[in-house]
């Protein structure tokens, strides 16, 4: 595998580290996945599409699928002020 050296702003690197931690991966893997997507190699076979779907399930709007939401969390955006 080839090695790549880049220079980026320290704040950008900190944000990337936070995002990688949230996704339970590394910044190196995020960059590799991004480049693979640019090159068109990601999503070309059914297995990678399944992996992408599972990744999206874990990173979805509701958070991790293994952590159930409370009733209050599910309906938080549906509450309106009652007068």
PDB file of N, CA and C in Angstrom:
ATOM      1  N   UNK A   1       0.845  -1.168   0.000  1.00  0.00           N
ATOM      2  CA  UNK A   1       0.000   0.000   0.000  1.00  0.00           C
ATOM      3  C   UNK A   1       0.897   1.239   0.000  1.00  0.00           C
ATOM      4  N   UNK A   2       0.489   2.264  -0.713  1.00  0.00           N
ATOM      5  CA  UNK A   2       1.259   3.501  -0.815  1.00  0.00           C
ATOM      6  C   UNK A   2       1.018   4.381   0.404  1.00  0.00           C
ATOM      7  N   UNK A   3       1.953   5.274   0.633  1.00  0.00           N
ATOM      8  CA  UNK A   3       1.858   6.210   1.744  1.00  0.00           C
ATOM      9  C   UNK A   3       1.621   7.604   1.186  1.00  0.00           C
ATOM     10  N   UNK A   4       0.865   8.425   1.906  1.00  0.00           N
ATOM     11  CA  UNK A   4       0.530   9.778   1.476  1.00  0.00           C
ATOM     12  C   UNK A   4       0.805  10.732   2.622  1.00  0.00           C
ATOM     13  N   UNK A   5       1.490  11.833   2.336  1.00  0.00           N
ATOM     14  CA  UNK A   5       1.754  12.860   3.339  1.00  0.00           C
ATOM     15  C   UNK A   5       1.044  14.137   2.908  1.00  0.00           C
ATOM     16  N   UNK A   6       0.251  14.708   3.810  1.00  0.00           N
ATOM     17  CA  UNK A   6      -0.466  15.949   3.504  1.00  0.00           C
ATOM     18  C   UNK A   6      -0.267  16.942   4.634  1.00  0.00           C
ATOM     19  N   UNK A   7      -0.496  18.204   4.331  1.00  0.00           N
ATOM     20  CA  UNK A   7      -0.461  19.248   5.345  1.00  0.00           C
ATOM     21  C   UNK A   7      -1.854  19.850   5.437  1.00  0.00           C
ATOM     22  N   UNK A   8      -2.418  19.833   6.654  1.00  0.00           N
ATOM     23  CA  UNK A   8      -3.742  20.411   6.854  1.00  0.00           C
ATOM     24  C   UNK A   8      -3.736  21.239   8.129  1.00  0.00           C
ATOM     25  N   UNK A   9      -4.738  22.061   8.257  1.00  0.00           N
ATOM     26  CA  UNK A   9      -4.907  22.903   9.422  1.00  0.00           C
ATOM     27  C   UNK A   9      -5.123  22.027  10.664  1.00  0.00           C
ATOM     28  N   UNK A  10      -4.495  22.352  11.794  1.00  0.00           N
ATOM     29  CA  UNK A  10      -4.674  21.535  13.004  1.00  0.00           C
ATOM     30  C   UNK A  10      -6.128  21.427  13.456  1.00  0.00           C
ATOM     31  N   UNK A  11      -6.908  22.491  13.254  1.00  0.00           N
ATOM     32  CA  UNK A  11      -8.327  22.436  13.646  1.00  0.00           C
ATOM     33  C   UNK A  11      -9.089  21.450  12.766  1.00  0.00           C
ATOM     34  N   UNK A  12      -8.725  21.406  11.483  1.00  0.00           N
ATOM     35  CA  UNK A  12      -9.353  20.456  10.575  1.00  0.00           C
ATOM     36  C   UNK A  12      -9.011  19.026  10.967  1.00  0.00           C
ATOM     37  N   UNK A  13      -7.767  18.796  11.361  1.00  0.00           N
ATOM     38  CA  UNK A  13      -7.358  17.462  11.800  1.00  0.00           C
ATOM     39  C   UNK A  13      -8.102  17.062  13.072  1.00  0.00           C
ATOM     40  N   UNK A  14      -8.282  17.994  13.980  1.00  0.00           N
ATOM     41  CA  UNK A  14      -9.017  17.693  15.211  1.00  0.00           C
ATOM     42  C   UNK A  14     -10.469  17.344  14.889  1.00  0.00           C
ATOM     43  N   UNK A  15     -11.075  18.087  13.962  1.00  0.00           N
ATOM     44  CA  UNK A  15     -12.449  17.790  13.559  1.00  0.00           C
ATOM     45  C   UNK A  15     -12.533  16.420  12.883  1.00  0.00           C
ATOM     46  N   UNK A  16     -11.536  16.102  12.059  1.00  0.00           N
ATOM     47  CA  UNK A  16     -11.514  14.797  11.397  1.00  0.00           C
ATOM     48  C   UNK A  16     -11.343  13.674  12.415  1.00  0.00           C
ATOM     49  N   UNK A  17     -10.502  13.884  13.419  1.00  0.00           N
ATOM     50  CA  UNK A  17     -10.333  12.886  14.473  1.00  0.00           C
ATOM     51  C   UNK A  17     -11.635  12.664  15.233  1.00  0.00           C
ATOM     52  N   UNK A  18     -12.361  13.752  15.507  1.00  0.00           N
ATOM     53  CA  UNK A  18     -13.643  13.635  16.205  1.00  0.00           C
ATOM     54  C   UNK A  18     -14.642  12.844  15.368  1.00  0.00           C
ATOM     55  N   UNK A  19     -14.689  13.138  14.071  1.00  0.00           N
ATOM     56  CA  UNK A  19     -15.609  12.422  13.183  1.00  0.00           C
ATOM     57  C   UNK A  19     -15.228  10.949  13.070  1.00  0.00           C
ATOM     58  N   UNK A  20     -13.938  10.677  12.969  1.00  0.00           N
ATOM     59  CA  UNK A  20     -13.487   9.290  12.902  1.00  0.00           C
ATOM     60  C   UNK A  20     -13.839   8.540  14.176  1.00  0.00           C
ATOM     61  N   UNK A  21     -13.687   9.184  15.306  1.00  0.00           N
ATOM     62  CA  UNK A  21     -14.039   8.550  16.580  1.00  0.00           C
ATOM     63  C   UNK A  21     -15.534   8.270  16.641  1.00  0.00           C
ATOM     64  N   UNK A  22     -16.332   9.225  16.155  1.00  0.00           N
ATOM     65  CA  UNK A  22     -17.784   9.051  16.151  1.00  0.00           C
ATOM     66  C   UNK A  22     -18.169   7.859  15.273  1.00  0.00           C
ATOM     67  N   UNK A  23     -17.437   7.656  14.196  1.00  0.00           N
ATOM     68  CA  UNK A  23     -17.725   6.561  13.275  1.00  0.00           C
ATOM     69  C   UNK A  23     -17.009   5.267  13.645  1.00  0.00           C
ATOM     70  N   UNK A  24     -16.275   5.286  14.738  1.00  0.00           N
ATOM     71  CA  UNK A  24     -15.532   4.109  15.201  1.00  0.00           C
ATOM     72  C   UNK A  24     -14.529   3.630  14.147  1.00  0.00           C
ATOM     73  N   UNK A  25     -13.765   4.573  13.608  1.00  0.00           N
ATOM     74  CA  UNK A  25     -12.759   4.254  12.604  1.00  0.00           C
ATOM     75  C   UNK A  25     -11.579   5.203  12.778  1.00  0.00           C
ATOM     76  N   UNK A  26     -10.691   5.249  11.807  1.00  0.00           N
ATOM     77  CA  UNK A  26      -9.526   6.139  11.879  1.00  0.00           C
ATOM     78  C   UNK A  26      -9.606   7.181  10.766  1.00  0.00           C
ATOM     79  N   UNK A  27      -8.829   8.251  10.927  1.00  0.00           N
ATOM     80  CA  UNK A  27      -8.760   9.270   9.885  1.00  0.00           C
ATOM     81  C   UNK A  27      -8.179   8.653   8.616  1.00  0.00           C
ATOM     82  N   UNK A  28      -7.191   7.782   8.753  1.00  0.00           N
ATOM     83  CA  UNK A  28      -6.615   7.103   7.591  1.00  0.00           C
ATOM     84  C   UNK A  28      -7.699   6.352   6.812  1.00  0.00           C
ATOM     85  N   UNK A  29      -8.581   5.659   7.523  1.00  0.00           N
ATOM     86  CA  UNK A  29      -9.639   4.908   6.854  1.00  0.00           C
ATOM     87  C   UNK A  29     -10.644   5.849   6.195  1.00  0.00           C
ATOM     88  N   UNK A  30     -10.949   6.972   6.840  1.00  0.00           N
ATOM     89  CA  UNK A  30     -11.855   7.952   6.232  1.00  0.00           C
ATOM     90  C   UNK A  30     -11.281   8.466   4.913  1.00  0.00           C
ATOM     91  N   UNK A  31      -9.986   8.791   4.907  1.00  0.00           N
ATOM     92  CA  UNK A  31      -9.330   9.295   3.695  1.00  0.00           C
ATOM     93  C   UNK A  31      -9.304   8.207   2.624  1.00  0.00           C
ATOM     94  N   UNK A  32      -8.978   6.979   3.013  1.00  0.00           N
ATOM     95  CA  UNK A  32      -8.952   5.866   2.061  1.00  0.00           C
ATOM     96  C   UNK A  32     -10.326   5.657   1.441  1.00  0.00           C
ATOM     97  N   UNK A  33     -11.369   5.668   2.264  1.00  0.00           N
ATOM     98  CA  UNK A  33     -12.726   5.492   1.757  1.00  0.00           C
ATOM     99  C   UNK A  33     -13.122   6.630   0.814  1.00  0.00           C
ATOM    100  N   UNK A  34     -12.716   7.848   1.168  1.00  0.00           N
ATOM    101  CA  UNK A  34     -13.024   9.002   0.332  1.00  0.00           C
ATOM    102  C   UNK A  34     -12.364   8.857  -1.031  1.00  0.00           C
ATOM    103  N   UNK A  35     -11.078   8.504  -1.050  1.00  0.00           N
ATOM    104  CA  UNK A  35     -10.361   8.329  -2.309  1.00  0.00           C
ATOM    105  C   UNK A  35     -10.953   7.179  -3.125  1.00  0.00           C
ATOM    106  N   UNK A  36     -11.349   6.119  -2.464  1.00  0.00           N
ATOM    107  CA  UNK A  36     -11.963   4.991  -3.161  1.00  0.00           C
ATOM    108  C   UNK A  36     -13.263   5.432  -3.833  1.00  0.00           C
ATOM    109  N   UNK A  37     -14.020   6.267  -3.146  1.00  0.00           N
ATOM    110  CA  UNK A  37     -15.247   6.794  -3.733  1.00  0.00           C
ATOM    111  C   UNK A  37     -14.970   7.684  -4.934  1.00  0.00           C
ATOM    112  N   UNK A  38     -13.923   8.500  -4.836  1.00  0.00           N
ATOM    113  CA  UNK A  38     -13.551   9.359  -5.962  1.00  0.00           C
ATOM    114  C   UNK A  38     -13.119   8.538  -7.167  1.00  0.00           C
ATOM    115  N   UNK A  39     -12.407   7.459  -6.908  1.00  0.00           N
ATOM    116  CA  UNK A  39     -11.890   6.618  -7.983  1.00  0.00           C
ATOM    117  C   UNK A  39     -12.965   5.718  -8.577  1.00  0.00           C
ATOM    118  N   UNK A  40     -14.114   5.634  -7.904  1.00  0.00           N
ATOM    119  CA  UNK A  40     -15.199   4.817  -8.422  1.00  0.00           C
ATOM    120  C   UNK A  40     -15.100   3.349  -8.064  1.00  0.00           C
ATOM    121  N   UNK A  41     -14.162   2.988  -7.192  1.00  0.00           N
ATOM    122  CA  UNK A  41     -14.033   1.576  -6.832  1.00  0.00           C
ATOM    123  C   UNK A  41     -14.984   1.184  -5.718  1.00  0.00           C
ATOM    124  N   UNK A  42     -15.491   2.147  -4.960  1.00  0.00           N
ATOM    125  CA  UNK A  42     -16.426   1.831  -3.870  1.00  0.00           C
ATOM    126  C   UNK A  42     -17.818   1.628  -4.449  1.00  0.00           C
ATOM    127  N   UNK A  43     -18.494   0.629  -3.966  1.00  0.00           N
ATOM    128  CA  UNK A  43     -19.865   0.390  -4.370  1.00  0.00           C
ATOM    129  C   UNK A  43     -20.015  -0.337  -5.691  1.00  0.00           C
ATOM    130  N   UNK A  44     -18.949  -0.892  -6.219  1.00  0.00           N
ATOM    131  CA  UNK A  44     -19.037  -1.554  -7.515  1.00  0.00           C
ATOM    132  C   UNK A  44     -19.550  -2.993  -7.415  1.00  0.00           C
ATOM    133  N   UNK A  45     -19.468  -3.583  -6.258  1.00  0.00           N
ATOM    134  CA  UNK A  45     -19.965  -4.950  -6.111  1.00  0.00           C
ATOM    135  C   UNK A  45     -21.013  -4.995  -4.994  1.00  0.00           C
ATOM    136  N   UNK A  46     -21.898  -5.995  -5.003  1.00  0.00           N
ATOM    137  CA  UNK A  46     -22.979  -6.076  -4.019  1.00  0.00           C
ATOM    138  C   UNK A  46     -22.485  -6.123  -2.567  1.00  0.00           C
ATOM    139  N   UNK A  47     -21.345  -6.758  -2.316  1.00  0.00           N
ATOM    140  CA  UNK A  47     -20.846  -6.855  -0.943  1.00  0.00           C
ATOM    141  C   UNK A  47     -20.502  -5.476  -0.401  1.00  0.00           C
ATOM    142  N   UNK A  48     -19.885  -4.638  -1.216  1.00  0.00           N
ATOM    143  CA  UNK A  48     -19.535  -3.304  -0.728  1.00  0.00           C
ATOM    144  C   UNK A  48     -20.780  -2.451  -0.553  1.00  0.00           C
ATOM    145  N   UNK A  49     -21.815  -2.693  -1.371  1.00  0.00           N
ATOM    146  CA  UNK A  49     -23.081  -1.965  -1.193  1.00  0.00           C
ATOM    147  C   UNK A  49     -23.726  -2.348   0.135  1.00  0.00           C
ATOM    148  N   UNK A  50     -23.648  -3.615   0.495  1.00  0.00           N
ATOM    149  CA  UNK A  50     -24.185  -4.065   1.779  1.00  0.00           C
ATOM    150  C   UNK A  50     -23.410  -3.436   2.929  1.00  0.00           C
ATOM    151  N   UNK A  51     -22.092  -3.395   2.802  1.00  0.00           N
ATOM    152  CA  UNK A  51     -21.267  -2.775   3.835  1.00  0.00           C
ATOM    153  C   UNK A  51     -21.595  -1.295   3.971  1.00  0.00           C
ATOM    154  N   UNK A  52     -21.826  -0.626   2.850  1.00  0.00           N
ATOM    155  CA  UNK A  52     -22.180   0.797   2.873  1.00  0.00           C
ATOM    156  C   UNK A  52     -23.530   1.004   3.560  1.00  0.00           C
ATOM    157  N   UNK A  53     -24.483   0.147   3.286  1.00  0.00           N
ATOM    158  CA  UNK A  53     -25.797   0.240   3.921  1.00  0.00           C
ATOM    159  C   UNK A  53     -25.679   0.054   5.430  1.00  0.00           C
ATOM    160  N   UNK A  54     -24.905  -0.914   5.860  1.00  0.00           N
ATOM    161  CA  UNK A  54     -24.707  -1.149   7.291  1.00  0.00           C
ATOM    162  C   UNK A  54     -24.017   0.049   7.927  1.00  0.00           C
ATOM    163  N   UNK A  55     -23.022   0.621   7.240  1.00  0.00           N
ATOM    164  CA  UNK A  55     -22.330   1.807   7.752  1.00  0.00           C
ATOM    165  C   UNK A  55     -23.318   2.971   7.912  1.00  0.00           C
ATOM    166  N   UNK A  56     -24.169   3.154   6.913  1.00  0.00           N
ATOM    167  CA  UNK A  56     -25.143   4.238   6.998  1.00  0.00           C
ATOM    168  C   UNK A  56     -26.151   4.015   8.122  1.00  0.00           C
ATOM    169  N   UNK A  57     -26.494   2.763   8.376  1.00  0.00           N
ATOM    170  CA  UNK A  57     -27.402   2.471   9.489  1.00  0.00           C
ATOM    171  C   UNK A  57     -26.779   2.893  10.815  1.00  0.00           C
ATOM    172  N   UNK A  58     -25.486   2.626  10.980  1.00  0.00           N
ATOM    173  CA  UNK A  58     -24.804   2.980  12.216  1.00  0.00           C
ATOM    174  C   UNK A  58     -24.582   4.477  12.342  1.00  0.00           C
ATOM    175  N   UNK A  59     -24.424   5.170  11.213  1.00  0.00           N
ATOM    176  CA  UNK A  59     -24.123   6.592  11.245  1.00  0.00           C
ATOM    177  C   UNK A  59     -25.345   7.445  10.957  1.00  0.00           C
ATOM    178  N   UNK A  60     -26.501   6.847  10.980  1.00  0.00           N
ATOM    179  CA  UNK A  60     -27.709   7.564  10.621  1.00  0.00           C
ATOM    180  C   UNK A  60     -28.094   8.650  11.613  1.00  0.00           C
ATOM    181  N   UNK A  61     -29.156   9.343  11.269  1.00  0.00           N
ATOM    182  CA  UNK A  61     -29.646  10.470  12.052  1.00  0.00           C
ATOM    183  C   UNK A  61     -30.002  10.075  13.484  1.00  0.00           C
ATOM    184  N   UNK A  62     -30.438   8.856  13.668  1.00  0.00           N
ATOM    185  CA  UNK A  62     -30.864   8.414  14.993  1.00  0.00           C
ATOM    186  C   UNK A  62     -29.725   7.868  15.841  1.00  0.00           C
ATOM    187  N   UNK A  63     -28.531   7.814  15.305  1.00  0.00           N
ATOM    188  CA  UNK A  63     -27.398   7.326  16.078  1.00  0.00           C
ATOM    189  C   UNK A  63     -27.160   5.850  15.849  1.00  0.00           C
ATOM    190  N   UNK A  64     -26.472   5.246  16.779  1.00  0.00           N
ATOM    191  CA  UNK A  64     -26.120   3.836  16.642  1.00  0.00           C
ATOM    192  C   UNK A  64     -27.346   2.964  16.849  1.00  0.00           C
ATOM    193  N   UNK A  65     -27.477   1.923  16.013  1.00  0.00           N
ATOM    194  CA  UNK A  65     -28.660   1.081  16.099  1.00  0.00           C
ATOM    195  C   UNK A  65     -28.635   0.174  17.322  1.00  0.00           C
ATOM    196  N   UNK A  66     -27.469   0.032  17.952  1.00  0.00           N
ATOM    197  CA  UNK A  66     -27.410  -0.823  19.127  1.00  0.00           C
ATOM    198  C   UNK A  66     -27.732  -0.072  20.416  1.00  0.00           C
ATOM    199  N   UNK A  67     -27.993   1.230  20.317  1.00  0.00           N
ATOM    200  CA  UNK A  67     -28.359   2.034  21.483  1.00  0.00           C
ATOM    201  C   UNK A  67     -29.802   2.505  21.275  1.00  0.00           C
ATOM    202  N   UNK A  68     -30.769   1.875  21.946  1.00  0.00           N
ATOM    203  CA  UNK A  68     -32.161   2.268  21.723  1.00  0.00           C
ATOM    204  C   UNK A  68     -32.447   3.673  22.251  1.00  0.00           C
ATOM    205  N   UNK A  69     -33.305   4.380  21.538  1.00  0.00           N
ATOM    206  CA  UNK A  69     -33.722   5.709  21.959  1.00  0.00           C
ATOM    207  C   UNK A  69     -34.848   5.605  22.981  1.00  0.00           C
ATOM    208  N   UNK A  70     -34.916   6.591  23.839  1.00  0.00           N
ATOM    209  CA  UNK A  70     -36.045   6.662  24.762  1.00  0.00           C
ATOM    210  C   UNK A  70     -37.235   7.261  24.030  1.00  0.00           C
ATOM    211  N   UNK A  71     -38.404   7.130  24.603  1.00  0.00           N
ATOM    212  CA  UNK A  71     -39.604   7.695  23.998  1.00  0.00           C
ATOM    213  C   UNK A  71     -39.451   9.201  23.840  1.00  0.00           C
ATOM    214  N   UNK A  72     -38.883   9.859  24.850  1.00  0.00           N
ATOM    215  CA  UNK A  72     -38.697  11.305  24.809  1.00  0.00           C
ATOM    216  C   UNK A  72     -37.772  11.710  23.662  1.00  0.00           C
ATOM    217  N   UNK A  73     -36.706  10.921  23.428  1.00  0.00           N
ATOM    218  CA  UNK A  73     -35.782  11.227  22.334  1.00  0.00           C
ATOM    219  C   UNK A  73     -36.449  11.057  20.968  1.00  0.00           C
ATOM    220  N   UNK A  74     -37.293  10.035  20.842  1.00  0.00           N
ATOM    221  CA  UNK A  74     -37.959   9.792  19.566  1.00  0.00           C
ATOM    222  C   UNK A  74     -38.935  10.903  19.209  1.00  0.00           C
ATOM    223  N   UNK A  75     -39.605  11.448  20.211  1.00  0.00           N
ATOM    224  CA  UNK A  75     -40.640  12.438  19.949  1.00  0.00           C
ATOM    225  C   UNK A  75     -40.198  13.869  20.265  1.00  0.00           C
ATOM    226  N   UNK A  76     -38.905  14.077  20.503  1.00  0.00           N
ATOM    227  CA  UNK A  76     -38.409  15.408  20.886  1.00  0.00           C
ATOM    228  C   UNK A  76     -38.724  16.460  19.840  1.00  0.00           C
ATOM    229  N   UNK A  77     -38.588  16.129  18.555  1.00  0.00           N
ATOM    230  CA  UNK A  77     -38.824  17.129  17.517  1.00  0.00           C
ATOM    231  C   UNK A  77     -40.300  17.265  17.144  1.00  0.00           C
ATOM    232  N   UNK A  78     -41.173  16.485  17.771  1.00  0.00           N
ATOM    233  CA  UNK A  78     -42.606  16.539  17.469  1.00  0.00           C
ATOM    234  C   UNK A  78     -43.390  17.297  18.534  1.00  0.00           C
ATOM    235  N   UNK A  79     -42.713  17.763  19.526  1.00  0.00           N
ATOM    236  CA  UNK A  79     -43.400  18.448  20.629  1.00  0.00           C
ATOM    237  C   UNK A  79     -43.601  19.908  20.262  1.00  0.00           C
ATOM    238  N   UNK A  80     -44.777  20.419  20.554  1.00  0.00           N
ATOM    239  CA  UNK A  80     -45.042  21.837  20.324  1.00  0.00           C
ATOM    240  C   UNK A  80     -45.546  22.443  21.610  1.00  0.00           C
ATOM    241  N   UNK A  81     -45.388  23.750  21.770  1.00  0.00           N
ATOM    242  CA  UNK A  81     -45.845  24.380  23.013  1.00  0.00           C
ATOM    243  C   UNK A  81     -47.368  24.347  23.087  1.00  0.00           C
ATOM    244  N   UNK A  82     -47.856  23.962  24.233  1.00  0.00           N
ATOM    245  CA  UNK A  82     -49.309  23.960  24.451  1.00  0.00           C
ATOM    246  C   UNK A  82     -49.677  25.156  25.325  1.00  0.00           C
ATOM    247  N   UNK A  83     -50.718  25.837  24.921  1.00  0.00           N
ATOM    248  CA  UNK A  83     -51.123  26.995  25.721  1.00  0.00           C
ATOM    249  C   UNK A  83     -52.521  26.865  26.255  1.00  0.00           C
TER     250      UNK A  83
END
